[in-house]
Amino acid sequence: MDHLLITLRLGEQVRQRRLNRGLTQASLAALAGITRQKVIAIEKGDLTVGMTAYARALGALDCELSVVPATMPTLDEIQGIFE
């Protein structure tokens, strides 16, 4: 599986969790001790974001990272890779 797709999926999951908790990007950044720009980069699946920033954001959302078998990409995900 393409590494870009993995970070895109993780970013979307972080975004959805943040929205479900009623948090803004700025409030998540404050809770996590990172910048709002870093939260934006995480949610976009930016490949330059380090694991520490992901760990801080996930911790602030009361989440953890889990390794699971990859699923086939959706048509929307495939289209997003080529844009």
N, C-alpha and C. Protein backbone atom coordinates (compact mmCIF):
# COMPACT_ATOMS: atom_id res chain seq x y z
N MET A 1 0.85 -1.17 0.00
CA MET A 1 0.00 0.00 0.00
C MET A 1 0.89 1.24 0.00
N ASP A 2 0.45 2.25 -0.69
CA ASP A 2 1.19 3.48 -0.81
C ASP A 2 1.25 4.22 0.53
N HIS A 3 2.43 4.68 0.90
CA HIS A 3 2.60 5.37 2.19
C HIS A 3 1.82 6.68 2.24
N LEU A 4 1.61 7.34 1.12
CA LEU A 4 0.83 8.57 1.10
C LEU A 4 -0.62 8.29 1.49
N LEU A 5 -1.17 7.19 1.00
CA LEU A 5 -2.54 6.82 1.34
C LEU A 5 -2.69 6.55 2.84
N ILE A 6 -1.70 5.96 3.43
CA ILE A 6 -1.74 5.67 4.87
C ILE A 6 -1.80 6.97 5.67
N THR A 7 -0.95 7.94 5.32
CA THR A 7 -0.97 9.20 6.06
C THR A 7 -2.25 9.99 5.78
N LEU A 8 -2.79 9.89 4.57
CA LEU A 8 -4.07 10.55 4.27
C LEU A 8 -5.19 9.97 5.13
N ARG A 9 -5.21 8.66 5.25
CA ARG A 9 -6.24 8.02 6.08
C ARG A 9 -6.09 8.39 7.55
N LEU A 10 -4.86 8.40 8.03
CA LEU A 10 -4.63 8.77 9.42
C LEU A 10 -5.05 10.22 9.67
N GLY A 11 -4.70 11.10 8.75
CA GLY A 11 -5.10 12.50 8.88
C GLY A 11 -6.60 12.67 8.92
N GLU A 12 -7.31 11.93 8.08
CA GLU A 12 -8.77 12.01 8.07
C GLU A 12 -9.36 11.48 9.37
N GLN A 13 -8.76 10.44 9.91
CA GLN A 13 -9.25 9.90 11.18
C GLN A 13 -9.03 10.90 12.32
N VAL A 14 -7.90 11.58 12.31
CA VAL A 14 -7.63 12.60 13.32
C VAL A 14 -8.66 13.72 13.18
N ARG A 15 -8.90 14.15 11.96
CA ARG A 15 -9.88 15.22 11.71
C ARG A 15 -11.27 14.83 12.20
N GLN A 16 -11.69 13.62 11.86
CA GLN A 16 -13.02 13.17 12.27
C GLN A 16 -13.14 13.08 13.79
N ARG A 17 -12.11 12.59 14.45
CA ARG A 17 -12.11 12.49 15.91
C ARG A 17 -12.18 13.88 16.53
N ARG A 18 -11.41 14.82 15.96
CA ARG A 18 -11.42 16.20 16.47
C ARG A 18 -12.80 16.81 16.34
N LEU A 19 -13.42 16.64 15.18
CA LEU A 19 -14.75 17.19 14.96
C LEU A 19 -15.78 16.53 15.87
N ASN A 20 -15.68 15.22 16.05
CA ASN A 20 -16.61 14.51 16.93
C ASN A 20 -16.51 15.00 18.38
N ARG A 21 -15.33 15.44 18.76
CA ARG A 21 -15.14 15.96 20.12
C ARG A 21 -15.47 17.43 20.22
N GLY A 22 -15.85 18.05 19.09
CA GLY A 22 -16.22 19.46 19.09
C GLY A 22 -15.05 20.41 19.24
N LEU A 23 -13.88 19.97 18.80
CA LEU A 23 -12.68 20.79 18.93
C LEU A 23 -12.35 21.51 17.63
N THR A 24 -11.82 22.72 17.75
CA THR A 24 -11.27 23.41 16.59
C THR A 24 -9.83 22.94 16.42
N GLN A 25 -9.25 23.27 15.28
CA GLN A 25 -7.84 22.94 15.08
C GLN A 25 -6.97 23.65 16.12
N ALA A 26 -7.33 24.88 16.43
CA ALA A 26 -6.56 25.65 17.41
C ALA A 26 -6.67 25.03 18.80
N SER A 27 -7.86 24.57 19.17
CA SER A 27 -8.00 23.98 20.51
C SER A 27 -7.28 22.64 20.60
N LEU A 28 -7.30 21.85 19.53
CA LEU A 28 -6.54 20.60 19.54
C LEU A 28 -5.05 20.90 19.64
N ALA A 29 -4.59 21.90 18.91
CA ALA A 29 -3.18 22.28 18.96
C ALA A 29 -2.78 22.67 20.38
N ALA A 30 -3.62 23.44 21.05
CA ALA A 30 -3.32 23.85 22.42
C ALA A 30 -3.26 22.65 23.36
N LEU A 31 -4.21 21.73 23.22
CA LEU A 31 -4.22 20.53 24.06
C LEU A 31 -3.00 19.65 23.82
N ALA A 32 -2.58 19.59 22.55
CA ALA A 32 -1.47 18.71 22.16
C ALA A 32 -0.10 19.35 22.34
N GLY A 33 -0.07 20.66 22.51
CA GLY A 33 1.22 21.35 22.63
C GLY A 33 1.94 21.46 21.31
N ILE A 34 1.18 21.57 20.22
CA ILE A 34 1.75 21.75 18.89
C ILE A 34 1.07 22.97 18.27
N THR A 35 1.54 23.38 17.11
CA THR A 35 0.94 24.55 16.45
C THR A 35 -0.29 24.15 15.65
N ARG A 36 -1.13 25.13 15.38
CA ARG A 36 -2.31 24.89 14.54
C ARG A 36 -1.86 24.46 13.14
N GLN A 37 -0.77 25.02 12.66
CA GLN A 37 -0.25 24.63 11.35
C GLN A 37 0.13 23.15 11.32
N LYS A 38 0.62 22.65 12.44
CA LYS A 38 0.98 21.22 12.52
C LYS A 38 -0.28 20.37 12.50
N VAL A 39 -1.35 20.82 13.16
CA VAL A 39 -2.62 20.09 13.12
C VAL A 39 -3.14 20.06 11.67
N ILE A 40 -3.07 21.19 11.00
CA ILE A 40 -3.50 21.24 9.60
C ILE A 40 -2.70 20.25 8.76
N ALA A 41 -1.38 20.22 8.96
CA ALA A 41 -0.53 19.30 8.21
C ALA A 41 -0.88 17.85 8.51
N ILE A 42 -1.15 17.53 9.77
CA ILE A 42 -1.54 16.17 10.15
C ILE A 42 -2.83 15.79 9.44
N GLU A 43 -3.81 16.67 9.47
CA GLU A 43 -5.11 16.37 8.87
C GLU A 43 -5.03 16.25 7.35
N LYS A 44 -4.03 16.88 6.74
CA LYS A 44 -3.83 16.76 5.29
C LYS A 44 -3.02 15.53 4.92
N GLY A 45 -2.46 14.86 5.91
CA GLY A 45 -1.63 13.69 5.64
C GLY A 45 -0.25 14.06 5.13
N ASP A 46 0.23 15.22 5.53
CA ASP A 46 1.55 15.71 5.12
C ASP A 46 2.64 14.73 5.56
N LEU A 47 3.46 14.31 4.60
CA LEU A 47 4.50 13.33 4.88
C LEU A 47 5.66 13.88 5.71
N THR A 48 5.73 15.19 5.89
CA THR A 48 6.85 15.77 6.63
C THR A 48 6.58 15.83 8.14
N VAL A 49 5.37 15.51 8.57
CA VAL A 49 5.03 15.57 9.99
C VAL A 49 5.67 14.38 10.71
N GLY A 50 6.35 14.68 11.80
CA GLY A 50 7.02 13.64 12.57
C GLY A 50 6.07 12.87 13.47
N MET A 51 6.52 11.72 13.91
CA MET A 51 5.71 10.86 14.77
C MET A 51 5.39 11.51 16.10
N THR A 52 6.27 12.37 16.60
CA THR A 52 6.01 13.04 17.87
C THR A 52 4.76 13.90 17.77
N ALA A 53 4.62 14.63 16.66
CA ALA A 53 3.43 15.48 16.47
C ALA A 53 2.17 14.63 16.37
N TYR A 54 2.24 13.52 15.62
CA TYR A 54 1.09 12.61 15.56
C TYR A 54 0.75 12.08 16.95
N ALA A 55 1.77 11.68 17.70
CA ALA A 55 1.54 11.12 19.03
C ALA A 55 0.92 12.16 19.96
N ARG A 56 1.37 13.40 19.88
CA ARG A 56 0.80 14.46 20.72
C ARG A 56 -0.67 14.70 20.36
N ALA A 57 -0.96 14.77 19.06
CA ALA A 57 -2.34 15.00 18.62
C ALA A 57 -3.23 13.83 19.03
N LEU A 58 -2.77 12.62 18.81
CA LEU A 58 -3.57 11.45 19.18
C LEU A 58 -3.78 11.38 20.69
N GLY A 59 -2.74 11.68 21.45
CA GLY A 59 -2.87 11.68 22.90
C GLY A 59 -3.88 12.71 23.38
N ALA A 60 -3.88 13.88 22.76
CA ALA A 60 -4.84 14.93 23.14
C ALA A 60 -6.27 14.53 22.80
N LEU A 61 -6.42 13.63 21.84
CA LEU A 61 -7.74 13.12 21.46
C LEU A 61 -8.10 11.83 22.20
N ASP A 62 -7.28 11.45 23.18
CA ASP A 62 -7.46 10.20 23.92
C ASP A 62 -7.48 8.99 22.99
N CYS A 63 -6.57 8.99 22.03
CA CYS A 63 -6.45 7.90 21.05
C CYS A 63 -5.02 7.37 21.07
N GLU A 64 -4.84 6.24 20.44
CA GLU A 64 -3.51 5.69 20.23
C GLU A 64 -3.44 5.11 18.83
N LEU A 65 -2.24 4.92 18.36
CA LEU A 65 -2.02 4.36 17.03
C LEU A 65 -2.01 2.84 17.13
N SER A 66 -2.70 2.20 16.19
CA SER A 66 -2.77 0.75 16.17
C SER A 66 -2.43 0.26 14.77
N VAL A 67 -1.67 -0.80 14.67
CA VAL A 67 -1.29 -1.36 13.38
C VAL A 67 -2.28 -2.45 13.02
N VAL A 68 -2.95 -2.26 11.87
CA VAL A 68 -3.94 -3.22 11.38
C VAL A 68 -3.67 -3.49 9.91
N PRO A 69 -4.12 -4.62 9.37
CA PRO A 69 -3.93 -4.88 7.95
C PRO A 69 -4.61 -3.80 7.10
N ALA A 70 -3.95 -3.45 6.04
CA ALA A 70 -4.47 -2.41 5.14
C ALA A 70 -5.66 -2.94 4.34
N THR A 71 -6.56 -2.03 4.04
CA THR A 71 -7.69 -2.35 3.18
C THR A 71 -7.46 -1.72 1.82
N MET A 72 -8.18 -2.21 0.84
CA MET A 72 -8.05 -1.66 -0.51
C MET A 72 -8.48 -0.20 -0.51
N PRO A 73 -7.79 0.64 -1.29
CA PRO A 73 -8.19 2.04 -1.36
C PRO A 73 -9.52 2.21 -2.07
N THR A 74 -10.27 3.23 -1.64
CA THR A 74 -11.53 3.55 -2.31
C THR A 74 -11.23 4.33 -3.58
N LEU A 75 -12.23 4.47 -4.44
CA LEU A 75 -12.04 5.25 -5.66
C LEU A 75 -11.70 6.70 -5.34
N ASP A 76 -12.32 7.26 -4.31
CA ASP A 76 -12.01 8.64 -3.90
C ASP A 76 -10.56 8.76 -3.46
N GLU A 77 -10.07 7.77 -2.72
CA GLU A 77 -8.69 7.81 -2.27
C GLU A 77 -7.72 7.70 -3.43
N ILE A 78 -8.03 6.84 -4.38
CA ILE A 78 -7.16 6.69 -5.56
C ILE A 78 -7.12 7.99 -6.34
N GLN A 79 -8.26 8.61 -6.52
CA GLN A 79 -8.31 9.87 -7.25
C GLN A 79 -7.49 10.94 -6.54
N GLY A 80 -7.56 10.97 -5.21
CA GLY A 80 -6.83 11.95 -4.44
C GLY A 80 -5.31 11.82 -4.58
N ILE A 81 -4.82 10.62 -4.80
CA ILE A 81 -3.39 10.39 -4.95
C ILE A 81 -2.87 11.04 -6.23
N PHE A 82 -3.69 11.05 -7.27
CA PHE A 82 -3.25 11.55 -8.56
C PHE A 82 -3.50 13.03 -8.76
N GLU A 83 -4.06 13.70 -7.78
CA GLU A 83 -4.33 15.14 -7.90
C GLU A 83 -3.13 15.95 -7.53
